[in-house]
Amino acid sequence: IIGEGRPTAVPDLTFSDRITLELGG
């Protein structure tokens, strides 16, 4: 995204294999 200059927001949080997001149960 950074290298190609995609017209969007740059990610804040990244991961390599797996991640779980929790919100409101």
PDBML (XML) file of the C-alpha atoms, coordinates in Angstrom:
<?xml version="1.0" encoding="UTF-8" ?>
<PDBx:datablock datablockName="MODEL"
   xmlns:PDBx="http://pdbml.pdb.org/schema/pdbx-v50.xsd"
   xmlns:xsi="http://www.w3.org/2001/XMLSchema-instance"
   xsi:schemaLocation="http://pdbml.pdb.org/schema/pdbx-v50.xsd pdbx-v50.xsd">
   <PDBx:atom_siteCategory>
      <PDBx:atom_site id="1">
         <PDBx:B_iso_or_equiv>0.00</PDBx:B_iso_or_equiv>
         <PDBx:Cartn_x>0.000</PDBx:Cartn_x>
         <PDBx:Cartn_y>0.000</PDBx:Cartn_y>
         <PDBx:Cartn_z>0.000</PDBx:Cartn_z>
         <PDBx:auth_asym_id>A</PDBx:auth_asym_id>
         <PDBx:auth_atom_id>CA</PDBx:auth_atom_id>
         <PDBx:auth_comp_id>ILE</PDBx:auth_comp_id>
         <PDBx:auth_seq_id>1</PDBx:auth_seq_id>
         <PDBx:group_PDB>ATOM</PDBx:group_PDB>
         <PDBx:label_alt_id xsi:nil="true" />
         <PDBx:label_asym_id>A</PDBx:label_asym_id>
         <PDBx:label_atom_id>CA</PDBx:label_atom_id>
         <PDBx:label_comp_id>ILE</PDBx:label_comp_id>
         <PDBx:label_entity_id>1</PDBx:label_entity_id>
         <PDBx:label_seq_id>1</PDBx:label_seq_id>
         <PDBx:occupancy>1.00</PDBx:occupancy>
         <PDBx:pdbx_PDB_model_num>1</PDBx:pdbx_PDB_model_num>
         <PDBx:type_symbol>C</PDBx:type_symbol>
      </PDBx:atom_site>
      <PDBx:atom_site id="2">
         <PDBx:B_iso_or_equiv>0.00</PDBx:B_iso_or_equiv>
         <PDBx:Cartn_x>2.840</PDBx:Cartn_x>
         <PDBx:Cartn_y>2.368</PDBx:Cartn_y>
         <PDBx:Cartn_z>0.853</PDBx:Cartn_z>
         <PDBx:auth_asym_id>A</PDBx:auth_asym_id>
         <PDBx:auth_atom_id>CA</PDBx:auth_atom_id>
         <PDBx:auth_comp_id>ILE</PDBx:auth_comp_id>
         <PDBx:auth_seq_id>2</PDBx:auth_seq_id>
         <PDBx:group_PDB>ATOM</PDBx:group_PDB>
         <PDBx:label_alt_id xsi:nil="true" />
         <PDBx:label_asym_id>A</PDBx:label_asym_id>
         <PDBx:label_atom_id>CA</PDBx:label_atom_id>
         <PDBx:label_comp_id>ILE</PDBx:label_comp_id>
         <PDBx:label_entity_id>1</PDBx:label_entity_id>
         <PDBx:label_seq_id>2</PDBx:label_seq_id>
         <PDBx:occupancy>1.00</PDBx:occupancy>
         <PDBx:pdbx_PDB_model_num>1</PDBx:pdbx_PDB_model_num>
         <PDBx:type_symbol>C</PDBx:type_symbol>
      </PDBx:atom_site>
      <PDBx:atom_site id="3">
         <PDBx:B_iso_or_equiv>0.00</PDBx:B_iso_or_equiv>
         <PDBx:Cartn_x>5.066</PDBx:Cartn_x>
         <PDBx:Cartn_y>1.304</PDBx:Cartn_y>
         <PDBx:Cartn_z>-2.032</PDBx:Cartn_z>
         <PDBx:auth_asym_id>A</PDBx:auth_asym_id>
         <PDBx:auth_atom_id>CA</PDBx:auth_atom_id>
         <PDBx:auth_comp_id>GLY</PDBx:auth_comp_id>
         <PDBx:auth_seq_id>3</PDBx:auth_seq_id>
         <PDBx:group_PDB>ATOM</PDBx:group_PDB>
         <PDBx:label_alt_id xsi:nil="true" />
         <PDBx:label_asym_id>A</PDBx:label_asym_id>
         <PDBx:label_atom_id>CA</PDBx:label_atom_id>
         <PDBx:label_comp_id>GLY</PDBx:label_comp_id>
         <PDBx:label_entity_id>1</PDBx:label_entity_id>
         <PDBx:label_seq_id>3</PDBx:label_seq_id>
         <PDBx:occupancy>1.00</PDBx:occupancy>
         <PDBx:pdbx_PDB_model_num>1</PDBx:pdbx_PDB_model_num>
         <PDBx:type_symbol>C</PDBx:type_symbol>
      </PDBx:atom_site>
      <PDBx:atom_site id="4">
         <PDBx:B_iso_or_equiv>0.00</PDBx:B_iso_or_equiv>
         <PDBx:Cartn_x>2.368</PDBx:Cartn_x>
         <PDBx:Cartn_y>1.573</PDBx:Cartn_y>
         <PDBx:Cartn_z>-4.697</PDBx:Cartn_z>
         <PDBx:auth_asym_id>A</PDBx:auth_asym_id>
         <PDBx:auth_atom_id>CA</PDBx:auth_atom_id>
         <PDBx:auth_comp_id>GLU</PDBx:auth_comp_id>
         <PDBx:auth_seq_id>4</PDBx:auth_seq_id>
         <PDBx:group_PDB>ATOM</PDBx:group_PDB>
         <PDBx:label_alt_id xsi:nil="true" />
         <PDBx:label_asym_id>A</PDBx:label_asym_id>
         <PDBx:label_atom_id>CA</PDBx:label_atom_id>
         <PDBx:label_comp_id>GLU</PDBx:label_comp_id>
         <PDBx:label_entity_id>1</PDBx:label_entity_id>
         <PDBx:label_seq_id>4</PDBx:label_seq_id>
         <PDBx:occupancy>1.00</PDBx:occupancy>
         <PDBx:pdbx_PDB_model_num>1</PDBx:pdbx_PDB_model_num>
         <PDBx:type_symbol>C</PDBx:type_symbol>
      </PDBx:atom_site>
      <PDBx:atom_site id="5">
         <PDBx:B_iso_or_equiv>0.00</PDBx:B_iso_or_equiv>
         <PDBx:Cartn_x>0.817</PDBx:Cartn_x>
         <PDBx:Cartn_y>4.693</PDBx:Cartn_y>
         <PDBx:Cartn_z>-3.228</PDBx:Cartn_z>
         <PDBx:auth_asym_id>A</PDBx:auth_asym_id>
         <PDBx:auth_atom_id>CA</PDBx:auth_atom_id>
         <PDBx:auth_comp_id>GLY</PDBx:auth_comp_id>
         <PDBx:auth_seq_id>5</PDBx:auth_seq_id>
         <PDBx:group_PDB>ATOM</PDBx:group_PDB>
         <PDBx:label_alt_id xsi:nil="true" />
         <PDBx:label_asym_id>A</PDBx:label_asym_id>
         <PDBx:label_atom_id>CA</PDBx:label_atom_id>
         <PDBx:label_comp_id>GLY</PDBx:label_comp_id>
         <PDBx:label_entity_id>1</PDBx:label_entity_id>
         <PDBx:label_seq_id>5</PDBx:label_seq_id>
         <PDBx:occupancy>1.00</PDBx:occupancy>
         <PDBx:pdbx_PDB_model_num>1</PDBx:pdbx_PDB_model_num>
         <PDBx:type_symbol>C</PDBx:type_symbol>
      </PDBx:atom_site>
      <PDBx:atom_site id="6">
         <PDBx:B_iso_or_equiv>0.00</PDBx:B_iso_or_equiv>
         <PDBx:Cartn_x>-2.645</PDBx:Cartn_x>
         <PDBx:Cartn_y>3.184</PDBx:Cartn_y>
         <PDBx:Cartn_z>-2.965</PDBx:Cartn_z>
         <PDBx:auth_asym_id>A</PDBx:auth_asym_id>
         <PDBx:auth_atom_id>CA</PDBx:auth_atom_id>
         <PDBx:auth_comp_id>ARG</PDBx:auth_comp_id>
         <PDBx:auth_seq_id>6</PDBx:auth_seq_id>
         <PDBx:group_PDB>ATOM</PDBx:group_PDB>
         <PDBx:label_alt_id xsi:nil="true" />
         <PDBx:label_asym_id>A</PDBx:label_asym_id>
         <PDBx:label_atom_id>CA</PDBx:label_atom_id>
         <PDBx:label_comp_id>ARG</PDBx:label_comp_id>
         <PDBx:label_entity_id>1</PDBx:label_entity_id>
         <PDBx:label_seq_id>6</PDBx:label_seq_id>
         <PDBx:occupancy>1.00</PDBx:occupancy>
         <PDBx:pdbx_PDB_model_num>1</PDBx:pdbx_PDB_model_num>
         <PDBx:type_symbol>C</PDBx:type_symbol>
      </PDBx:atom_site>
      <PDBx:atom_site id="7">
         <PDBx:B_iso_or_equiv>0.00</PDBx:B_iso_or_equiv>
         <PDBx:Cartn_x>-5.311</PDBx:Cartn_x>
         <PDBx:Cartn_y>5.890</PDBx:Cartn_y>
         <PDBx:Cartn_z>-2.522</PDBx:Cartn_z>
         <PDBx:auth_asym_id>A</PDBx:auth_asym_id>
         <PDBx:auth_atom_id>CA</PDBx:auth_atom_id>
         <PDBx:auth_comp_id>PRO</PDBx:auth_comp_id>
         <PDBx:auth_seq_id>7</PDBx:auth_seq_id>
         <PDBx:group_PDB>ATOM</PDBx:group_PDB>
         <PDBx:label_alt_id xsi:nil="true" />
         <PDBx:label_asym_id>A</PDBx:label_asym_id>
         <PDBx:label_atom_id>CA</PDBx:label_atom_id>
         <PDBx:label_comp_id>PRO</PDBx:label_comp_id>
         <PDBx:label_entity_id>1</PDBx:label_entity_id>
         <PDBx:label_seq_id>7</PDBx:label_seq_id>
         <PDBx:occupancy>1.00</PDBx:occupancy>
         <PDBx:pdbx_PDB_model_num>1</PDBx:pdbx_PDB_model_num>
         <PDBx:type_symbol>C</PDBx:type_symbol>
      </PDBx:atom_site>
      <PDBx:atom_site id="8">
         <PDBx:B_iso_or_equiv>0.00</PDBx:B_iso_or_equiv>
         <PDBx:Cartn_x>-6.335</PDBx:Cartn_x>
         <PDBx:Cartn_y>4.788</PDBx:Cartn_y>
         <PDBx:Cartn_z>0.954</PDBx:Cartn_z>
         <PDBx:auth_asym_id>A</PDBx:auth_asym_id>
         <PDBx:auth_atom_id>CA</PDBx:auth_atom_id>
         <PDBx:auth_comp_id>THR</PDBx:auth_comp_id>
         <PDBx:auth_seq_id>8</PDBx:auth_seq_id>
         <PDBx:group_PDB>ATOM</PDBx:group_PDB>
         <PDBx:label_alt_id xsi:nil="true" />
         <PDBx:label_asym_id>A</PDBx:label_asym_id>
         <PDBx:label_atom_id>CA</PDBx:label_atom_id>
         <PDBx:label_comp_id>THR</PDBx:label_comp_id>
         <PDBx:label_entity_id>1</PDBx:label_entity_id>
         <PDBx:label_seq_id>8</PDBx:label_seq_id>
         <PDBx:occupancy>1.00</PDBx:occupancy>
         <PDBx:pdbx_PDB_model_num>1</PDBx:pdbx_PDB_model_num>
         <PDBx:type_symbol>C</PDBx:type_symbol>
      </PDBx:atom_site>
      <PDBx:atom_site id="9">
         <PDBx:B_iso_or_equiv>0.00</PDBx:B_iso_or_equiv>
         <PDBx:Cartn_x>-5.371</PDBx:Cartn_x>
         <PDBx:Cartn_y>4.928</PDBx:Cartn_y>
         <PDBx:Cartn_z>4.624</PDBx:Cartn_z>
         <PDBx:auth_asym_id>A</PDBx:auth_asym_id>
         <PDBx:auth_atom_id>CA</PDBx:auth_atom_id>
         <PDBx:auth_comp_id>ALA</PDBx:auth_comp_id>
         <PDBx:auth_seq_id>9</PDBx:auth_seq_id>
         <PDBx:group_PDB>ATOM</PDBx:group_PDB>
         <PDBx:label_alt_id xsi:nil="true" />
         <PDBx:label_asym_id>A</PDBx:label_asym_id>
         <PDBx:label_atom_id>CA</PDBx:label_atom_id>
         <PDBx:label_comp_id>ALA</PDBx:label_comp_id>
         <PDBx:label_entity_id>1</PDBx:label_entity_id>
         <PDBx:label_seq_id>9</PDBx:label_seq_id>
         <PDBx:occupancy>1.00</PDBx:occupancy>
         <PDBx:pdbx_PDB_model_num>1</PDBx:pdbx_PDB_model_num>
         <PDBx:type_symbol>C</PDBx:type_symbol>
      </PDBx:atom_site>
      <PDBx:atom_site id="10">
         <PDBx:B_iso_or_equiv>0.00</PDBx:B_iso_or_equiv>
         <PDBx:Cartn_x>-2.145</PDBx:Cartn_x>
         <PDBx:Cartn_y>3.169</PDBx:Cartn_y>
         <PDBx:Cartn_z>5.631</PDBx:Cartn_z>
         <PDBx:auth_asym_id>A</PDBx:auth_asym_id>
         <PDBx:auth_atom_id>CA</PDBx:auth_atom_id>
         <PDBx:auth_comp_id>VAL</PDBx:auth_comp_id>
         <PDBx:auth_seq_id>10</PDBx:auth_seq_id>
         <PDBx:group_PDB>ATOM</PDBx:group_PDB>
         <PDBx:label_alt_id xsi:nil="true" />
         <PDBx:label_asym_id>A</PDBx:label_asym_id>
         <PDBx:label_atom_id>CA</PDBx:label_atom_id>
         <PDBx:label_comp_id>VAL</PDBx:label_comp_id>
         <PDBx:label_entity_id>1</PDBx:label_entity_id>
         <PDBx:label_seq_id>10</PDBx:label_seq_id>
         <PDBx:occupancy>1.00</PDBx:occupancy>
         <PDBx:pdbx_PDB_model_num>1</PDBx:pdbx_PDB_model_num>
         <PDBx:type_symbol>C</PDBx:type_symbol>
      </PDBx:atom_site>
      <PDBx:atom_site id="11">
         <PDBx:B_iso_or_equiv>0.00</PDBx:B_iso_or_equiv>
         <PDBx:Cartn_x>-2.726</PDBx:Cartn_x>
         <PDBx:Cartn_y>0.287</PDBx:Cartn_y>
         <PDBx:Cartn_z>8.092</PDBx:Cartn_z>
         <PDBx:auth_asym_id>A</PDBx:auth_asym_id>
         <PDBx:auth_atom_id>CA</PDBx:auth_atom_id>
         <PDBx:auth_comp_id>PRO</PDBx:auth_comp_id>
         <PDBx:auth_seq_id>11</PDBx:auth_seq_id>
         <PDBx:group_PDB>ATOM</PDBx:group_PDB>
         <PDBx:label_alt_id xsi:nil="true" />
         <PDBx:label_asym_id>A</PDBx:label_asym_id>
         <PDBx:label_atom_id>CA</PDBx:label_atom_id>
         <PDBx:label_comp_id>PRO</PDBx:label_comp_id>
         <PDBx:label_entity_id>1</PDBx:label_entity_id>
         <PDBx:label_seq_id>11</PDBx:label_seq_id>
         <PDBx:occupancy>1.00</PDBx:occupancy>
         <PDBx:pdbx_PDB_model_num>1</PDBx:pdbx_PDB_model_num>
         <PDBx:type_symbol>C</PDBx:type_symbol>
      </PDBx:atom_site>
      <PDBx:atom_site id="12">
         <PDBx:B_iso_or_equiv>0.00</PDBx:B_iso_or_equiv>
         <PDBx:Cartn_x>-2.090</PDBx:Cartn_x>
         <PDBx:Cartn_y>1.003</PDBx:Cartn_y>
         <PDBx:Cartn_z>11.775</PDBx:Cartn_z>
         <PDBx:auth_asym_id>A</PDBx:auth_asym_id>
         <PDBx:auth_atom_id>CA</PDBx:auth_atom_id>
         <PDBx:auth_comp_id>ASP</PDBx:auth_comp_id>
         <PDBx:auth_seq_id>12</PDBx:auth_seq_id>
         <PDBx:group_PDB>ATOM</PDBx:group_PDB>
         <PDBx:label_alt_id xsi:nil="true" />
         <PDBx:label_asym_id>A</PDBx:label_asym_id>
         <PDBx:label_atom_id>CA</PDBx:label_atom_id>
         <PDBx:label_comp_id>ASP</PDBx:label_comp_id>
         <PDBx:label_entity_id>1</PDBx:label_entity_id>
         <PDBx:label_seq_id>12</PDBx:label_seq_id>
         <PDBx:occupancy>1.00</PDBx:occupancy>
         <PDBx:pdbx_PDB_model_num>1</PDBx:pdbx_PDB_model_num>
         <PDBx:type_symbol>C</PDBx:type_symbol>
      </PDBx:atom_site>
      <PDBx:atom_site id="13">
         <PDBx:B_iso_or_equiv>0.00</PDBx:B_iso_or_equiv>
         <PDBx:Cartn_x>-2.080</PDBx:Cartn_x>
         <PDBx:Cartn_y>-2.610</PDBx:Cartn_y>
         <PDBx:Cartn_z>12.951</PDBx:Cartn_z>
         <PDBx:auth_asym_id>A</PDBx:auth_asym_id>
         <PDBx:auth_atom_id>CA</PDBx:auth_atom_id>
         <PDBx:auth_comp_id>LEU</PDBx:auth_comp_id>
         <PDBx:auth_seq_id>13</PDBx:auth_seq_id>
         <PDBx:group_PDB>ATOM</PDBx:group_PDB>
         <PDBx:label_alt_id xsi:nil="true" />
         <PDBx:label_asym_id>A</PDBx:label_asym_id>
         <PDBx:label_atom_id>CA</PDBx:label_atom_id>
         <PDBx:label_comp_id>LEU</PDBx:label_comp_id>
         <PDBx:label_entity_id>1</PDBx:label_entity_id>
         <PDBx:label_seq_id>13</PDBx:label_seq_id>
         <PDBx:occupancy>1.00</PDBx:occupancy>
         <PDBx:pdbx_PDB_model_num>1</PDBx:pdbx_PDB_model_num>
         <PDBx:type_symbol>C</PDBx:type_symbol>
      </PDBx:atom_site>
      <PDBx:atom_site id="14">
         <PDBx:B_iso_or_equiv>0.00</PDBx:B_iso_or_equiv>
         <PDBx:Cartn_x>-0.466</PDBx:Cartn_x>
         <PDBx:Cartn_y>-5.468</PDBx:Cartn_y>
         <PDBx:Cartn_z>11.013</PDBx:Cartn_z>
         <PDBx:auth_asym_id>A</PDBx:auth_asym_id>
         <PDBx:auth_atom_id>CA</PDBx:auth_atom_id>
         <PDBx:auth_comp_id>THR</PDBx:auth_comp_id>
         <PDBx:auth_seq_id>14</PDBx:auth_seq_id>
         <PDBx:group_PDB>ATOM</PDBx:group_PDB>
         <PDBx:label_alt_id xsi:nil="true" />
         <PDBx:label_asym_id>A</PDBx:label_asym_id>
         <PDBx:label_atom_id>CA</PDBx:label_atom_id>
         <PDBx:label_comp_id>THR</PDBx:label_comp_id>
         <PDBx:label_entity_id>1</PDBx:label_entity_id>
         <PDBx:label_seq_id>14</PDBx:label_seq_id>
         <PDBx:occupancy>1.00</PDBx:occupancy>
         <PDBx:pdbx_PDB_model_num>1</PDBx:pdbx_PDB_model_num>
         <PDBx:type_symbol>C</PDBx:type_symbol>
      </PDBx:atom_site>
      <PDBx:atom_site id="15">
         <PDBx:B_iso_or_equiv>0.00</PDBx:B_iso_or_equiv>
         <PDBx:Cartn_x>0.203</PDBx:Cartn_x>
         <PDBx:Cartn_y>-9.156</PDBx:Cartn_y>
         <PDBx:Cartn_z>11.596</PDBx:Cartn_z>
         <PDBx:auth_asym_id>A</PDBx:auth_asym_id>
         <PDBx:auth_atom_id>CA</PDBx:auth_atom_id>
         <PDBx:auth_comp_id>PHE</PDBx:auth_comp_id>
         <PDBx:auth_seq_id>15</PDBx:auth_seq_id>
         <PDBx:group_PDB>ATOM</PDBx:group_PDB>
         <PDBx:label_alt_id xsi:nil="true" />
         <PDBx:label_asym_id>A</PDBx:label_asym_id>
         <PDBx:label_atom_id>CA</PDBx:label_atom_id>
         <PDBx:label_comp_id>PHE</PDBx:label_comp_id>
         <PDBx:label_entity_id>1</PDBx:label_entity_id>
         <PDBx:label_seq_id>15</PDBx:label_seq_id>
         <PDBx:occupancy>1.00</PDBx:occupancy>
         <PDBx:pdbx_PDB_model_num>1</PDBx:pdbx_PDB_model_num>
         <PDBx:type_symbol>C</PDBx:type_symbol>
      </PDBx:atom_site>
      <PDBx:atom_site id="16">
         <PDBx:B_iso_or_equiv>0.00</PDBx:B_iso_or_equiv>
         <PDBx:Cartn_x>2.037</PDBx:Cartn_x>
         <PDBx:Cartn_y>-12.033</PDBx:Cartn_y>
         <PDBx:Cartn_z>9.937</PDBx:Cartn_z>
         <PDBx:auth_asym_id>A</PDBx:auth_asym_id>
         <PDBx:auth_atom_id>CA</PDBx:auth_atom_id>
         <PDBx:auth_comp_id>SER</PDBx:auth_comp_id>
         <PDBx:auth_seq_id>16</PDBx:auth_seq_id>
         <PDBx:group_PDB>ATOM</PDBx:group_PDB>
         <PDBx:label_alt_id xsi:nil="true" />
         <PDBx:label_asym_id>A</PDBx:label_asym_id>
         <PDBx:label_atom_id>CA</PDBx:label_atom_id>
         <PDBx:label_comp_id>SER</PDBx:label_comp_id>
         <PDBx:label_entity_id>1</PDBx:label_entity_id>
         <PDBx:label_seq_id>16</PDBx:label_seq_id>
         <PDBx:occupancy>1.00</PDBx:occupancy>
         <PDBx:pdbx_PDB_model_num>1</PDBx:pdbx_PDB_model_num>
         <PDBx:type_symbol>C</PDBx:type_symbol>
      </PDBx:atom_site>
      <PDBx:atom_site id="17">
         <PDBx:B_iso_or_equiv>0.00</PDBx:B_iso_or_equiv>
         <PDBx:Cartn_x>-0.029</PDBx:Cartn_x>
         <PDBx:Cartn_y>-15.198</PDBx:Cartn_y>
         <PDBx:Cartn_z>10.374</PDBx:Cartn_z>
         <PDBx:auth_asym_id>A</PDBx:auth_asym_id>
         <PDBx:auth_atom_id>CA</PDBx:auth_atom_id>
         <PDBx:auth_comp_id>ASP</PDBx:auth_comp_id>
         <PDBx:auth_seq_id>17</PDBx:auth_seq_id>
         <PDBx:group_PDB>ATOM</PDBx:group_PDB>
         <PDBx:label_alt_id xsi:nil="true" />
         <PDBx:label_asym_id>A</PDBx:label_asym_id>
         <PDBx:label_atom_id>CA</PDBx:label_atom_id>
         <PDBx:label_comp_id>ASP</PDBx:label_comp_id>
         <PDBx:label_entity_id>1</PDBx:label_entity_id>
         <PDBx:label_seq_id>17</PDBx:label_seq_id>
         <PDBx:occupancy>1.00</PDBx:occupancy>
         <PDBx:pdbx_PDB_model_num>1</PDBx:pdbx_PDB_model_num>
         <PDBx:type_symbol>C</PDBx:type_symbol>
      </PDBx:atom_site>
      <PDBx:atom_site id="18">
         <PDBx:B_iso_or_equiv>0.00</PDBx:B_iso_or_equiv>
         <PDBx:Cartn_x>-3.154</PDBx:Cartn_x>
         <PDBx:Cartn_y>-14.712</PDBx:Cartn_y>
         <PDBx:Cartn_z>12.467</PDBx:Cartn_z>
         <PDBx:auth_asym_id>A</PDBx:auth_asym_id>
         <PDBx:auth_atom_id>CA</PDBx:auth_atom_id>
         <PDBx:auth_comp_id>ARG</PDBx:auth_comp_id>
         <PDBx:auth_seq_id>18</PDBx:auth_seq_id>
         <PDBx:group_PDB>ATOM</PDBx:group_PDB>
         <PDBx:label_alt_id xsi:nil="true" />
         <PDBx:label_asym_id>A</PDBx:label_asym_id>
         <PDBx:label_atom_id>CA</PDBx:label_atom_id>
         <PDBx:label_comp_id>ARG</PDBx:label_comp_id>
         <PDBx:label_entity_id>1</PDBx:label_entity_id>
         <PDBx:label_seq_id>18</PDBx:label_seq_id>
         <PDBx:occupancy>1.00</PDBx:occupancy>
         <PDBx:pdbx_PDB_model_num>1</PDBx:pdbx_PDB_model_num>
         <PDBx:type_symbol>C</PDBx:type_symbol>
      </PDBx:atom_site>
      <PDBx:atom_site id="19">
         <PDBx:B_iso_or_equiv>0.00</PDBx:B_iso_or_equiv>
         <PDBx:Cartn_x>-4.791</PDBx:Cartn_x>
         <PDBx:Cartn_y>-12.220</PDBx:Cartn_y>
         <PDBx:Cartn_z>14.796</PDBx:Cartn_z>
         <PDBx:auth_asym_id>A</PDBx:auth_asym_id>
         <PDBx:auth_atom_id>CA</PDBx:auth_atom_id>
         <PDBx:auth_comp_id>ILE</PDBx:auth_comp_id>
         <PDBx:auth_seq_id>19</PDBx:auth_seq_id>
         <PDBx:group_PDB>ATOM</PDBx:group_PDB>
         <PDBx:label_alt_id xsi:nil="true" />
         <PDBx:label_asym_id>A</PDBx:label_asym_id>
         <PDBx:label_atom_id>CA</PDBx:label_atom_id>
         <PDBx:label_comp_id>ILE</PDBx:label_comp_id>
         <PDBx:label_entity_id>1</PDBx:label_entity_id>
         <PDBx:label_seq_id>19</PDBx:label_seq_id>
         <PDBx:occupancy>1.00</PDBx:occupancy>
         <PDBx:pdbx_PDB_model_num>1</PDBx:pdbx_PDB_model_num>
         <PDBx:type_symbol>C</PDBx:type_symbol>
      </PDBx:atom_site>
      <PDBx:atom_site id="20">
         <PDBx:B_iso_or_equiv>0.00</PDBx:B_iso_or_equiv>
         <PDBx:Cartn_x>-8.143</PDBx:Cartn_x>
         <PDBx:Cartn_y>-12.052</PDBx:Cartn_y>
         <PDBx:Cartn_z>16.594</PDBx:Cartn_z>
         <PDBx:auth_asym_id>A</PDBx:auth_asym_id>
         <PDBx:auth_atom_id>CA</PDBx:auth_atom_id>
         <PDBx:auth_comp_id>THR</PDBx:auth_comp_id>
         <PDBx:auth_seq_id>20</PDBx:auth_seq_id>
         <PDBx:group_PDB>ATOM</PDBx:group_PDB>
         <PDBx:label_alt_id xsi:nil="true" />
         <PDBx:label_asym_id>A</PDBx:label_asym_id>
         <PDBx:label_atom_id>CA</PDBx:label_atom_id>
         <PDBx:label_comp_id>THR</PDBx:label_comp_id>
         <PDBx:label_entity_id>1</PDBx:label_entity_id>
         <PDBx:label_seq_id>20</PDBx:label_seq_id>
         <PDBx:occupancy>1.00</PDBx:occupancy>
         <PDBx:pdbx_PDB_model_num>1</PDBx:pdbx_PDB_model_num>
         <PDBx:type_symbol>C</PDBx:type_symbol>
      </PDBx:atom_site>
      <PDBx:atom_site id="21">
         <PDBx:B_iso_or_equiv>0.00</PDBx:B_iso_or_equiv>
         <PDBx:Cartn_x>-9.976</PDBx:Cartn_x>
         <PDBx:Cartn_y>-8.763</PDBx:Cartn_y>
         <PDBx:Cartn_z>17.076</PDBx:Cartn_z>
         <PDBx:auth_asym_id>A</PDBx:auth_asym_id>
         <PDBx:auth_atom_id>CA</PDBx:auth_atom_id>
         <PDBx:auth_comp_id>LEU</PDBx:auth_comp_id>
         <PDBx:auth_seq_id>21</PDBx:auth_seq_id>
         <PDBx:group_PDB>ATOM</PDBx:group_PDB>
         <PDBx:label_alt_id xsi:nil="true" />
         <PDBx:label_asym_id>A</PDBx:label_asym_id>
         <PDBx:label_atom_id>CA</PDBx:label_atom_id>
         <PDBx:label_comp_id>LEU</PDBx:label_comp_id>
         <PDBx:label_entity_id>1</PDBx:label_entity_id>
         <PDBx:label_seq_id>21</PDBx:label_seq_id>
         <PDBx:occupancy>1.00</PDBx:occupancy>
         <PDBx:pdbx_PDB_model_num>1</PDBx:pdbx_PDB_model_num>
         <PDBx:type_symbol>C</PDBx:type_symbol>
      </PDBx:atom_site>
      <PDBx:atom_site id="22">
         <PDBx:B_iso_or_equiv>0.00</PDBx:B_iso_or_equiv>
         <PDBx:Cartn_x>-12.474</PDBx:Cartn_x>
         <PDBx:Cartn_y>-8.474</PDBx:Cartn_y>
         <PDBx:Cartn_z>19.930</PDBx:Cartn_z>
         <PDBx:auth_asym_id>A</PDBx:auth_asym_id>
         <PDBx:auth_atom_id>CA</PDBx:auth_atom_id>
         <PDBx:auth_comp_id>GLU</PDBx:auth_comp_id>
         <PDBx:auth_seq_id>22</PDBx:auth_seq_id>
         <PDBx:group_PDB>ATOM</PDBx:group_PDB>
         <PDBx:label_alt_id xsi:nil="true" />
         <PDBx:label_asym_id>A</PDBx:label_asym_id>
         <PDBx:label_atom_id>CA</PDBx:label_atom_id>
         <PDBx:label_comp_id>GLU</PDBx:label_comp_id>
         <PDBx:label_entity_id>1</PDBx:label_entity_id>
         <PDBx:label_seq_id>22</PDBx:label_seq_id>
         <PDBx:occupancy>1.00</PDBx:occupancy>
         <PDBx:pdbx_PDB_model_num>1</PDBx:pdbx_PDB_model_num>
         <PDBx:type_symbol>C</PDBx:type_symbol>
      </PDBx:atom_site>
      <PDBx:atom_site id="23">
         <PDBx:B_iso_or_equiv>0.00</PDBx:B_iso_or_equiv>
         <PDBx:Cartn_x>-15.093</PDBx:Cartn_x>
         <PDBx:Cartn_y>-5.769</PDBx:Cartn_y>
         <PDBx:Cartn_z>20.267</PDBx:Cartn_z>
         <PDBx:auth_asym_id>A</PDBx:auth_asym_id>
         <PDBx:auth_atom_id>CA</PDBx:auth_atom_id>
         <PDBx:auth_comp_id>LEU</PDBx:auth_comp_id>
         <PDBx:auth_seq_id>23</PDBx:auth_seq_id>
         <PDBx:group_PDB>ATOM</PDBx:group_PDB>
         <PDBx:label_alt_id xsi:nil="true" />
         <PDBx:label_asym_id>A</PDBx:label_asym_id>
         <PDBx:label_atom_id>CA</PDBx:label_atom_id>
         <PDBx:label_comp_id>LEU</PDBx:label_comp_id>
         <PDBx:label_entity_id>1</PDBx:label_entity_id>
         <PDBx:label_seq_id>23</PDBx:label_seq_id>
         <PDBx:occupancy>1.00</PDBx:occupancy>
         <PDBx:pdbx_PDB_model_num>1</PDBx:pdbx_PDB_model_num>
         <PDBx:type_symbol>C</PDBx:type_symbol>
      </PDBx:atom_site>
      <PDBx:atom_site id="24">
         <PDBx:B_iso_or_equiv>0.00</PDBx:B_iso_or_equiv>
         <PDBx:Cartn_x>-18.282</PDBx:Cartn_x>
         <PDBx:Cartn_y>-5.655</PDBx:Cartn_y>
         <PDBx:Cartn_z>22.311</PDBx:Cartn_z>
         <PDBx:auth_asym_id>A</PDBx:auth_asym_id>
         <PDBx:auth_atom_id>CA</PDBx:auth_atom_id>
         <PDBx:auth_comp_id>GLY</PDBx:auth_comp_id>
         <PDBx:auth_seq_id>24</PDBx:auth_seq_id>
         <PDBx:group_PDB>ATOM</PDBx:group_PDB>
         <PDBx:label_alt_id xsi:nil="true" />
         <PDBx:label_asym_id>A</PDBx:label_asym_id>
         <PDBx:label_atom_id>CA</PDBx:label_atom_id>
         <PDBx:label_comp_id>GLY</PDBx:label_comp_id>
         <PDBx:label_entity_id>1</PDBx:label_entity_id>
         <PDBx:label_seq_id>24</PDBx:label_seq_id>
         <PDBx:occupancy>1.00</PDBx:occupancy>
         <PDBx:pdbx_PDB_model_num>1</PDBx:pdbx_PDB_model_num>
         <PDBx:type_symbol>C</PDBx:type_symbol>
      </PDBx:atom_site>
      <PDBx:atom_site id="25">
         <PDBx:B_iso_or_equiv>0.00</PDBx:B_iso_or_equiv>
         <PDBx:Cartn_x>-18.158</PDBx:Cartn_x>
         <PDBx:Cartn_y>-9.360</PDBx:Cartn_y>
         <PDBx:Cartn_z>23.107</PDBx:Cartn_z>
         <PDBx:auth_asym_id>A</PDBx:auth_asym_id>
         <PDBx:auth_atom_id>CA</PDBx:auth_atom_id>
         <PDBx:auth_comp_id>GLY</PDBx:auth_comp_id>
         <PDBx:auth_seq_id>25</PDBx:auth_seq_id>
         <PDBx:group_PDB>ATOM</PDBx:group_PDB>
         <PDBx:label_alt_id xsi:nil="true" />
         <PDBx:label_asym_id>A</PDBx:label_asym_id>
         <PDBx:label_atom_id>CA</PDBx:label_atom_id>
         <PDBx:label_comp_id>GLY</PDBx:label_comp_id>
         <PDBx:label_entity_id>1</PDBx:label_entity_id>
         <PDBx:label_seq_id>25</PDBx:label_seq_id>
         <PDBx:occupancy>1.00</PDBx:occupancy>
         <PDBx:pdbx_PDB_model_num>1</PDBx:pdbx_PDB_model_num>
         <PDBx:type_symbol>C</PDBx:type_symbol>
      </PDBx:atom_site>
   </PDBx:atom_siteCategory>
</PDBx:datablock>
